[in-house]
Amino acid sequence: FVIPYRPNMNVISALLEIRRNPINAKGEATT
């Protein structure tokens, strides 16, 4: 996955970003 960077993110924040927009690095919709 490739997600937008924001300052002071933790790993949970990154996982929440994936949950908000579950698209993998290939641009494919996923779970």
Full PDB file with SEQRES, HELIX, SHEET, SSBOND, CRYST1, ORIGX, SCALE, CONECT and MASTER records, all heavy atoms in Angstrom:
SEQRES   1 A   31  PHE VAL ILE PRO TYR ARG PRO ASN MET ASN VAL ILE SER          
SEQRES   2 A   31  ALA LEU LEU GLU ILE ARG ARG ASN PRO ILE ASN ALA LYS          
SEQRES   3 A   31  GLY GLU ALA THR THR                                          
HELIX    1 AA1 VAL A   11  ARG A   20  1                                  10    
CRYST1    1.000    1.000    1.000  90.00  90.00  90.00 P 1           1          
ORIGX1      1.000000  0.000000  0.000000        0.00000                         
ORIGX2      0.000000  1.000000  0.000000        0.00000                         
ORIGX3      0.000000  0.000000  1.000000        0.00000                         
SCALE1      1.000000  0.000000  0.000000        0.00000                         
SCALE2      0.000000  1.000000  0.000000        0.00000                         
SCALE3      0.000000  0.000000  1.000000        0.00000                         
ATOM      1  N   PHE A   1       0.849  -1.195   0.000  1.00  0.00           N  
ATOM      2  CA  PHE A   1       0.000   0.000   0.000  1.00  0.00           C  
ATOM      3  C   PHE A   1       0.880   1.239   0.000  1.00  0.00           C  
ATOM      4  O   PHE A   1       1.972   1.240   0.585  1.00  0.00           O  
ATOM      5  CB  PHE A   1      -0.905   0.033   1.243  1.00  0.00           C  
ATOM      6  CG  PHE A   1      -1.884  -1.104   1.330  1.00  0.00           C  
ATOM      7  CD1 PHE A   1      -1.534  -2.306   1.956  1.00  0.00           C  
ATOM      8  CD2 PHE A   1      -3.147  -0.992   0.778  1.00  0.00           C  
ATOM      9  CE1 PHE A   1      -2.432  -3.353   2.039  1.00  0.00           C  
ATOM     10  CE2 PHE A   1      -4.063  -2.043   0.858  1.00  0.00           C  
ATOM     11  CZ  PHE A   1      -3.703  -3.220   1.493  1.00  0.00           C  
ATOM     12  N   VAL A   2       0.404   2.282  -0.647  1.00  0.00           N  
ATOM     13  CA  VAL A   2       1.059   3.581  -0.606  1.00  0.00           C  
ATOM     14  C   VAL A   2       0.011   4.593  -0.143  1.00  0.00           C  
ATOM     15  O   VAL A   2      -1.016   4.766  -0.797  1.00  0.00           O  
ATOM     16  CB  VAL A   2       1.632   3.992  -1.975  1.00  0.00           C  
ATOM     17  CG1 VAL A   2       2.229   5.393  -1.896  1.00  0.00           C  
ATOM     18  CG2 VAL A   2       2.680   2.993  -2.433  1.00  0.00           C  
ATOM     19  N   ILE A   3       0.282   5.241   0.982  1.00  0.00           N  
ATOM     20  CA  ILE A   3      -0.697   6.163   1.549  1.00  0.00           C  
ATOM     21  C   ILE A   3      -0.051   7.532   1.749  1.00  0.00           C  
ATOM     22  O   ILE A   3       1.176   7.644   1.841  1.00  0.00           O  
ATOM     23  CB  ILE A   3      -1.243   5.640   2.900  1.00  0.00           C  
ATOM     24  CG1 ILE A   3      -0.116   5.509   3.924  1.00  0.00           C  
ATOM     25  CG2 ILE A   3      -1.943   4.298   2.709  1.00  0.00           C  
ATOM     26  CD1 ILE A   3      -0.596   5.187   5.313  1.00  0.00           C  
ATOM     27  N   PRO A   4      -0.849   8.588   1.833  1.00  0.00           N  
ATOM     28  CA  PRO A   4      -0.296   9.932   2.035  1.00  0.00           C  
ATOM     29  C   PRO A   4       0.377  10.066   3.400  1.00  0.00           C  
ATOM     30  O   PRO A   4      -0.105   9.542   4.400  1.00  0.00           O  
ATOM     31  CB  PRO A   4      -1.530  10.844   1.939  1.00  0.00           C  
ATOM     32  CG  PRO A   4      -2.575  10.018   1.289  1.00  0.00           C  
ATOM     33  CD  PRO A   4      -2.315   8.607   1.660  1.00  0.00           C  
ATOM     34  N   TYR A   5       1.483  10.774   3.402  1.00  0.00           N  
ATOM     35  CA  TYR A   5       2.211  11.019   4.652  1.00  0.00           C  
ATOM     36  C   TYR A   5       1.652  12.234   5.374  1.00  0.00           C  
ATOM     37  O   TYR A   5       1.332  13.253   4.767  1.00  0.00           O  
ATOM     38  CB  TYR A   5       3.694  11.243   4.367  1.00  0.00           C  
ATOM     39  CG  TYR A   5       4.455  11.766   5.567  1.00  0.00           C  
ATOM     40  CD1 TYR A   5       4.784  10.918   6.613  1.00  0.00           C  
ATOM     41  CD2 TYR A   5       4.810  13.113   5.650  1.00  0.00           C  
ATOM     42  CE1 TYR A   5       5.465  11.400   7.732  1.00  0.00           C  
ATOM     43  CE2 TYR A   5       5.491  13.599   6.761  1.00  0.00           C  
ATOM     44  CZ  TYR A   5       5.818  12.739   7.805  1.00  0.00           C  
ATOM     45  OH  TYR A   5       6.473  13.221   8.897  1.00  0.00           O  
ATOM     46  N   ARG A   6       1.537  12.094   6.697  1.00  0.00           N  
ATOM     47  CA  ARG A   6       1.208  13.223   7.553  1.00  0.00           C  
ATOM     48  C   ARG A   6       2.173  13.208   8.740  1.00  0.00           C  
ATOM     49  O   ARG A   6       2.562  12.123   9.191  1.00  0.00           O  
ATOM     50  CB  ARG A   6      -0.231  13.143   8.085  1.00  0.00           C  
ATOM     51  CG  ARG A   6      -1.306  13.187   7.024  1.00  0.00           C  
ATOM     52  CD  ARG A   6      -2.691  13.424   7.671  1.00  0.00           C  
ATOM     53  NE  ARG A   6      -2.962  12.538   8.771  1.00  0.00           N  
ATOM     54  CZ  ARG A   6      -3.482  11.312   8.656  1.00  0.00           C  
ATOM     55  NH1 ARG A   6      -3.772  10.841   7.451  1.00  0.00           N  
ATOM     56  NH2 ARG A   6      -3.729  10.569   9.723  1.00  0.00           N  
ATOM     57  N   PRO A   7       2.540  14.351   9.251  1.00  0.00           N  
ATOM     58  CA  PRO A   7       3.448  14.366  10.406  1.00  0.00           C  
ATOM     59  C   PRO A   7       2.811  13.683  11.620  1.00  0.00           C  
ATOM     60  O   PRO A   7       1.598  13.680  11.796  1.00  0.00           O  
ATOM     61  CB  PRO A   7       3.649  15.864  10.677  1.00  0.00           C  
ATOM     62  CG  PRO A   7       3.306  16.550   9.401  1.00  0.00           C  
ATOM     63  CD  PRO A   7       2.211  15.710   8.774  1.00  0.00           C  
ATOM     64  N   ASN A   8       3.668  13.064  12.415  1.00  0.00           N  
ATOM     65  CA  ASN A   8       3.276  12.473  13.717  1.00  0.00           C  
ATOM     66  C   ASN A   8       2.319  11.288  13.588  1.00  0.00           C  
ATOM     67  O   ASN A   8       1.573  10.998  14.528  1.00  0.00           O  
ATOM     68  CB  ASN A   8       2.655  13.540  14.630  1.00  0.00           C  
ATOM     69  CG  ASN A   8       3.574  14.717  14.863  1.00  0.00           C  
ATOM     70  OD1 ASN A   8       4.783  14.535  15.056  1.00  0.00           O  
ATOM     71  ND2 ASN A   8       3.032  15.924  14.815  1.00  0.00           N  
ATOM     72  N   MET A   9       2.334  10.602  12.484  1.00  0.00           N  
ATOM     73  CA  MET A   9       1.491   9.411  12.326  1.00  0.00           C  
ATOM     74  C   MET A   9       2.095   8.232  13.084  1.00  0.00           C  
ATOM     75  O   MET A   9       3.313   8.079  13.157  1.00  0.00           O  
ATOM     76  CB  MET A   9       1.341   9.033  10.846  1.00  0.00           C  
ATOM     77  CG  MET A   9       0.544   9.996  10.003  1.00  0.00           C  
ATOM     78  SD  MET A   9       0.450   9.451   8.268  1.00  0.00           S  
ATOM     79  CE  MET A   9      -0.624   8.017   8.399  1.00  0.00           C  
ATOM     80  N   ASN A  10       1.220   7.403  13.633  1.00  0.00           N  
ATOM     81  CA  ASN A  10       1.675   6.116  14.143  1.00  0.00           C  
ATOM     82  C   ASN A  10       1.188   5.023  13.191  1.00  0.00           C  
ATOM     83  O   ASN A  10       0.515   5.300  12.189  1.00  0.00           O  
ATOM     84  CB  ASN A  10       1.182   5.875  15.575  1.00  0.00           C  
ATOM     85  CG  ASN A  10      -0.333   5.905  15.698  1.00  0.00           C  
ATOM     86  OD1 ASN A  10      -1.052   5.920  14.701  1.00  0.00           O  
ATOM     87  ND2 ASN A  10      -0.835   5.904  16.920  1.00  0.00           N  
ATOM     88  N   VAL A  11       1.534   3.775  13.476  1.00  0.00           N  
ATOM     89  CA  VAL A  11       1.162   2.679  12.576  1.00  0.00           C  
ATOM     90  C   VAL A  11      -0.353   2.517  12.507  1.00  0.00           C  
ATOM     91  O   VAL A  11      -0.906   2.222  11.447  1.00  0.00           O  
ATOM     92  CB  VAL A  11       1.850   1.367  13.014  1.00  0.00           C  
ATOM     93  CG1 VAL A  11       1.305   0.174  12.236  1.00  0.00           C  
ATOM     94  CG2 VAL A  11       3.359   1.468  12.817  1.00  0.00           C  
ATOM     95  N   ILE A  12      -1.037   2.729  13.630  1.00  0.00           N  
ATOM     96  CA  ILE A  12      -2.499   2.657  13.628  1.00  0.00           C  
ATOM     97  C   ILE A  12      -3.083   3.690  12.663  1.00  0.00           C  
ATOM     98  O   ILE A  12      -4.038   3.403  11.926  1.00  0.00           O  
ATOM     99  CB  ILE A  12      -3.061   2.888  15.051  1.00  0.00           C  
ATOM    100  CG1 ILE A  12      -2.632   1.759  15.991  1.00  0.00           C  
ATOM    101  CG2 ILE A  12      -4.587   3.004  15.018  1.00  0.00           C  
ATOM    102  CD1 ILE A  12      -3.266   0.429  15.735  1.00  0.00           C  
ATOM    103  N   SER A  13      -2.523   4.890  12.641  1.00  0.00           N  
ATOM    104  CA  SER A  13      -2.998   5.932  11.726  1.00  0.00           C  
ATOM    105  C   SER A  13      -2.868   5.480  10.281  1.00  0.00           C  
ATOM    106  O   SER A  13      -3.752   5.733   9.454  1.00  0.00           O  
ATOM    107  CB  SER A  13      -2.208   7.228  11.936  1.00  0.00           C  
ATOM    108  OG  SER A  13      -2.355   7.711  13.243  1.00  0.00           O  
ATOM    109  N   ALA A  14      -1.756   4.807   9.968  1.00  0.00           N  
ATOM    110  CA  ALA A  14      -1.551   4.316   8.607  1.00  0.00           C  
ATOM    111  C   ALA A  14      -2.577   3.242   8.246  1.00  0.00           C  
ATOM    112  O   ALA A  14      -3.127   3.232   7.134  1.00  0.00           O  
ATOM    113  CB  ALA A  14      -0.135   3.766   8.475  1.00  0.00           C  
ATOM    114  N   LEU A  15      -2.865   2.354   9.199  1.00  0.00           N  
ATOM    115  CA  LEU A  15      -3.859   1.312   8.947  1.00  0.00           C  
ATOM    116  C   LEU A  15      -5.262   1.904   8.796  1.00  0.00           C  
ATOM    117  O   LEU A  15      -6.065   1.420   7.992  1.00  0.00           O  
ATOM    118  CB  LEU A  15      -3.834   0.292  10.091  1.00  0.00           C  
ATOM    119  CG  LEU A  15      -2.587  -0.600  10.152  1.00  0.00           C  
ATOM    120  CD1 LEU A  15      -2.556  -1.394  11.449  1.00  0.00           C  
ATOM    121  CD2 LEU A  15      -2.527  -1.544   8.951  1.00  0.00           C  
ATOM    122  N   LEU A  16      -5.539   2.945   9.555  1.00  0.00           N  
ATOM    123  CA  LEU A  16      -6.832   3.618   9.421  1.00  0.00           C  
ATOM    124  C   LEU A  16      -6.961   4.290   8.056  1.00  0.00           C  
ATOM    125  O   LEU A  16      -8.056   4.345   7.480  1.00  0.00           O  
ATOM    126  CB  LEU A  16      -7.012   4.654  10.537  1.00  0.00           C  
ATOM    127  CG  LEU A  16      -7.269   4.104  11.938  1.00  0.00           C  
ATOM    128  CD1 LEU A  16      -7.202   5.219  12.979  1.00  0.00           C  
ATOM    129  CD2 LEU A  16      -8.616   3.396  12.017  1.00  0.00           C  
ATOM    130  N   GLU A  17      -5.861   4.788   7.531  1.00  0.00           N  
ATOM    131  CA  GLU A  17      -5.868   5.396   6.203  1.00  0.00           C  
ATOM    132  C   GLU A  17      -6.188   4.349   5.138  1.00  0.00           C  
ATOM    133  O   GLU A  17      -6.935   4.604   4.197  1.00  0.00           O  
ATOM    134  CB  GLU A  17      -4.514   6.050   5.919  1.00  0.00           C  
ATOM    135  CG  GLU A  17      -4.455   6.860   4.640  1.00  0.00           C  
ATOM    136  CD  GLU A  17      -5.342   8.099   4.666  1.00  0.00           C  
ATOM    137  OE1 GLU A  17      -5.584   8.635   5.760  1.00  0.00           O  
ATOM    138  OE2 GLU A  17      -5.789   8.520   3.575  1.00  0.00           O  
ATOM    139  N   ILE A  18      -5.643   3.148   5.303  1.00  0.00           N  
ATOM    140  CA  ILE A  18      -5.956   2.049   4.383  1.00  0.00           C  
ATOM    141  C   ILE A  18      -7.423   1.666   4.508  1.00  0.00           C  
ATOM    142  O   ILE A  18      -8.101   1.406   3.509  1.00  0.00           O  
ATOM    143  CB  ILE A  18      -5.044   0.829   4.662  1.00  0.00           C  
ATOM    144  CG1 ILE A  18      -3.582   1.173   4.358  1.00  0.00           C  
ATOM    145  CG2 ILE A  18      -5.497  -0.380   3.840  1.00  0.00           C  
ATOM    146  CD1 ILE A  18      -2.605   0.084   4.770  1.00  0.00           C  
ATOM    147  N   ARG A  19      -7.924   1.633   5.731  1.00  0.00           N  
ATOM    148  CA  ARG A  19      -9.343   1.311   5.931  1.00  0.00           C  
ATOM    149  C   ARG A  19     -10.241   2.354   5.254  1.00  0.00           C  
ATOM    150  O   ARG A  19     -11.268   2.018   4.672  1.00  0.00           O  
ATOM    151  CB  ARG A  19      -9.655   1.242   7.425  1.00  0.00           C  
ATOM    152  CG  ARG A  19     -11.132   1.020   7.728  1.00  0.00           C  
ATOM    153  CD  ARG A  19     -11.412   0.979   9.215  1.00  0.00           C  
ATOM    154  NE  ARG A  19     -10.874  -0.225   9.833  1.00  0.00           N  
ATOM    155  CZ  ARG A  19     -10.961  -0.490  11.135  1.00  0.00           C  
ATOM    156  NH1 ARG A  19     -11.533   0.383  11.949  1.00  0.00           N  
ATOM    157  NH2 ARG A  19     -10.463  -1.606  11.618  1.00  0.00           N  
ATOM    158  N   ARG A  20      -9.840   3.615   5.345  1.00  0.00           N  
ATOM    159  CA  ARG A  20     -10.632   4.695   4.739  1.00  0.00           C  
ATOM    160  C   ARG A  20     -10.683   4.570   3.220  1.00  0.00           C  
ATOM    161  O   ARG A  20     -11.715   4.843   2.588  1.00  0.00           O  
ATOM    162  CB  ARG A  20     -10.041   6.047   5.126  1.00  0.00           C  
ATOM    163  CG  ARG A  20     -10.875   7.248   4.697  1.00  0.00           C  
ATOM    164  CD  ARG A  20     -10.170   8.551   5.005  1.00  0.00           C  
ATOM    165  NE  ARG A  20      -9.000   8.733   4.167  1.00  0.00           N  
ATOM    166  CZ  ARG A  20      -9.058   9.193   2.905  1.00  0.00           C  
ATOM    167  NH1 ARG A  20     -10.222   9.512   2.365  1.00  0.00           N  
ATOM    168  NH2 ARG A  20      -7.954   9.327   2.204  1.00  0.00           N  
ATOM    169  N   ASN A  21      -9.562   4.121   2.642  1.00  0.00           N  
ATOM    170  CA  ASN A  21      -9.482   4.016   1.179  1.00  0.00           C  
ATOM    171  C   ASN A  21      -8.711   2.750   0.820  1.00  0.00           C  
ATOM    172  O   ASN A  21      -7.513   2.795   0.530  1.00  0.00           O  
ATOM    173  CB  ASN A  21      -8.790   5.255   0.604  1.00  0.00           C  
ATOM    174  CG  ASN A  21      -8.795   5.261  -0.909  1.00  0.00           C  
ATOM    175  OD1 ASN A  21      -9.710   4.732  -1.543  1.00  0.00           O  
ATOM    176  ND2 ASN A  21      -7.764   5.846  -1.513  1.00  0.00           N  
ATOM    177  N   PRO A  22      -9.370   1.577   0.845  1.00  0.00           N  
ATOM    178  CA  PRO A  22      -8.668   0.306   0.627  1.00  0.00           C  
ATOM    179  C   PRO A  22      -8.295   0.061  -0.845  1.00  0.00           C  
ATOM    180  O   PRO A  22      -8.915  -0.742  -1.554  1.00  0.00           O  
ATOM    181  CB  PRO A  22      -9.665  -0.738   1.138  1.00  0.00           C  
ATOM    182  CG  PRO A  22     -11.003  -0.100   0.993  1.00  0.00           C  
ATOM    183  CD  PRO A  22     -10.800   1.366   1.179  1.00  0.00           C  
ATOM    184  N   ILE A  23      -7.277   0.771  -1.274  1.00  0.00           N  
ATOM    185  CA  ILE A  23      -6.724   0.608  -2.620  1.00  0.00           C  
ATOM    186  C   ILE A  23      -5.253   0.258  -2.461  1.00  0.00           C  
ATOM    187  O   ILE A  23      -4.508   0.962  -1.766  1.00  0.00           O  
ATOM    188  CB  ILE A  23      -6.851   1.910  -3.447  1.00  0.00           C  
ATOM    189  CG1 ILE A  23      -8.308   2.375  -3.525  1.00  0.00           C  
ATOM    190  CG2 ILE A  23      -6.262   1.714  -4.847  1.00  0.00           C  
ATOM    191  CD1 ILE A  23      -9.219   1.453  -4.305  1.00  0.00           C  
ATOM    192  N   ASN A  24      -4.794  -0.841  -3.080  1.00  0.00           N  
ATOM    193  CA  ASN A  24      -3.398  -1.220  -2.928  1.00  0.00           C  
ATOM    194  C   ASN A  24      -2.495  -0.416  -3.867  1.00  0.00           C  
ATOM    195  O   ASN A  24      -2.965   0.430  -4.631  1.00  0.00           O  
ATOM    196  CB  ASN A  24      -3.211  -2.733  -3.108  1.00  0.00           C  
ATOM    197  CG  ASN A  24      -3.580  -3.213  -4.506  1.00  0.00           C  
ATOM    198  OD1 ASN A  24      -3.538  -2.453  -5.483  1.00  0.00           O  
ATOM    199  ND2 ASN A  24      -3.939  -4.484  -4.604  1.00  0.00           N  
ATOM    200  N   ALA A  25      -1.202  -0.688  -3.811  1.00  0.00           N  
ATOM    201  CA  ALA A  25      -0.236   0.092  -4.573  1.00  0.00           C  
ATOM    202  C   ALA A  25      -0.400  -0.075  -6.085  1.00  0.00           C  
ATOM    203  O   ALA A  25       0.055   0.767  -6.854  1.00  0.00           O  
ATOM    204  CB  ALA A  25       1.180  -0.298  -4.155  1.00  0.00           C  
ATOM    205  N   LYS A  26      -1.059  -1.153  -6.516  1.00  0.00           N  
ATOM    206  CA  LYS A  26      -1.318  -1.370  -7.936  1.00  0.00           C  
ATOM    207  C   LYS A  26      -2.550  -0.619  -8.416  1.00  0.00           C  
ATOM    208  O   LYS A  26      -2.897  -0.686  -9.601  1.00  0.00           O  
ATOM    209  CB  LYS A  26      -1.494  -2.866  -8.206  1.00  0.00           C  
ATOM    210  CG  LYS A  26      -0.251  -3.702  -7.916  1.00  0.00           C  
ATOM    211  CD  LYS A  26      -0.535  -5.182  -8.168  1.00  0.00           C  
ATOM    212  CE  LYS A  26       0.684  -6.031  -7.856  1.00  0.00           C  
ATOM    213  NZ  LYS A  26       0.413  -7.491  -8.064  1.00  0.00           N  
ATOM    214  N   GLY A  27      -3.215   0.071  -7.506  1.00  0.00           N  
ATOM    215  CA  GLY A  27      -4.438   0.786  -7.852  1.00  0.00           C  
ATOM    216  C   GLY A  27      -5.668  -0.084  -7.844  1.00  0.00           C  
ATOM    217  O   GLY A  27      -6.736   0.335  -8.312  1.00  0.00           O  
ATOM    218  N   GLU A  28      -5.556  -1.289  -7.280  1.00  0.00           N  
ATOM    219  CA  GLU A  28      -6.673  -2.230  -7.254  1.00  0.00           C  
ATOM    220  C   GLU A  28      -7.463  -2.083  -5.951  1.00  0.00           C  
ATOM    221  O   GLU A  28      -6.886  -1.902  -4.874  1.00  0.00           O  
ATOM    222  CB  GLU A  28      -6.156  -3.673  -7.356  1.00  0.00           C  
ATOM    223  CG  GLU A  28      -5.340  -3.943  -8.603  1.00  0.00           C  
ATOM    224  CD  GLU A  28      -4.583  -5.266  -8.530  1.00  0.00           C  
ATOM    225  OE1 GLU A  28      -4.355  -5.757  -7.399  1.00  0.00           O  
ATOM    226  OE2 GLU A  28      -4.222  -5.795  -9.600  1.00  0.00           O  
ATOM    227  N   ALA A  29      -8.774  -2.190  -6.064  1.00  0.00           N  
ATOM    228  CA  ALA A  29      -9.621  -2.186  -4.872  1.00  0.00           C  
ATOM    229  C   ALA A  29      -9.397  -3.488  -4.098  1.00  0.00           C  
ATOM    230  O   ALA A  29      -9.331  -4.568  -4.677  1.00  0.00           O  
ATOM    231  CB  ALA A  29     -11.080  -2.036  -5.270  1.00  0.00           C  
ATOM    232  N   THR A  30      -9.268  -3.368  -2.786  1.00  0.00           N  
ATOM    233  CA  THR A  30      -9.036  -4.541  -1.952  1.00  0.00           C  
ATOM    234  C   THR A  30      -9.839  -4.396  -0.669  1.00  0.00           C  
ATOM    235  O   THR A  30     -10.629  -3.454  -0.527  1.00  0.00           O  
ATOM    236  CB  THR A  30      -7.528  -4.693  -1.648  1.00  0.00           C  
ATOM    237  OG1 THR A  30      -7.303  -5.903  -0.918  1.00  0.00           O  
ATOM    238  CG2 THR A  30      -6.997  -3.516  -0.845  1.00  0.00           C  
ATOM    239  N   THR A  31      -9.661  -5.311   0.239  1.00  0.00           N  
ATOM    240  CA  THR A  31     -10.353  -5.223   1.535  1.00  0.00           C  
ATOM    241  C   THR A  31      -9.486  -4.478   2.532  1.00  0.00           C  
ATOM    242  O   THR A  31      -8.253  -4.460   2.411  1.00  0.00           O  
ATOM    243  CB  THR A  31     -10.658  -6.628   2.087  1.00  0.00           C  
ATOM    244  OG1 THR A  31      -9.437  -7.367   2.174  1.00  0.00           O  
ATOM    245  CG2 THR A  31     -11.633  -7.355   1.169  1.00  0.00           C  
TER     246      THR A  31                                                      
MASTER        0    0    0    1    0    0    0    6  245    1    0    3          
END                                                                             
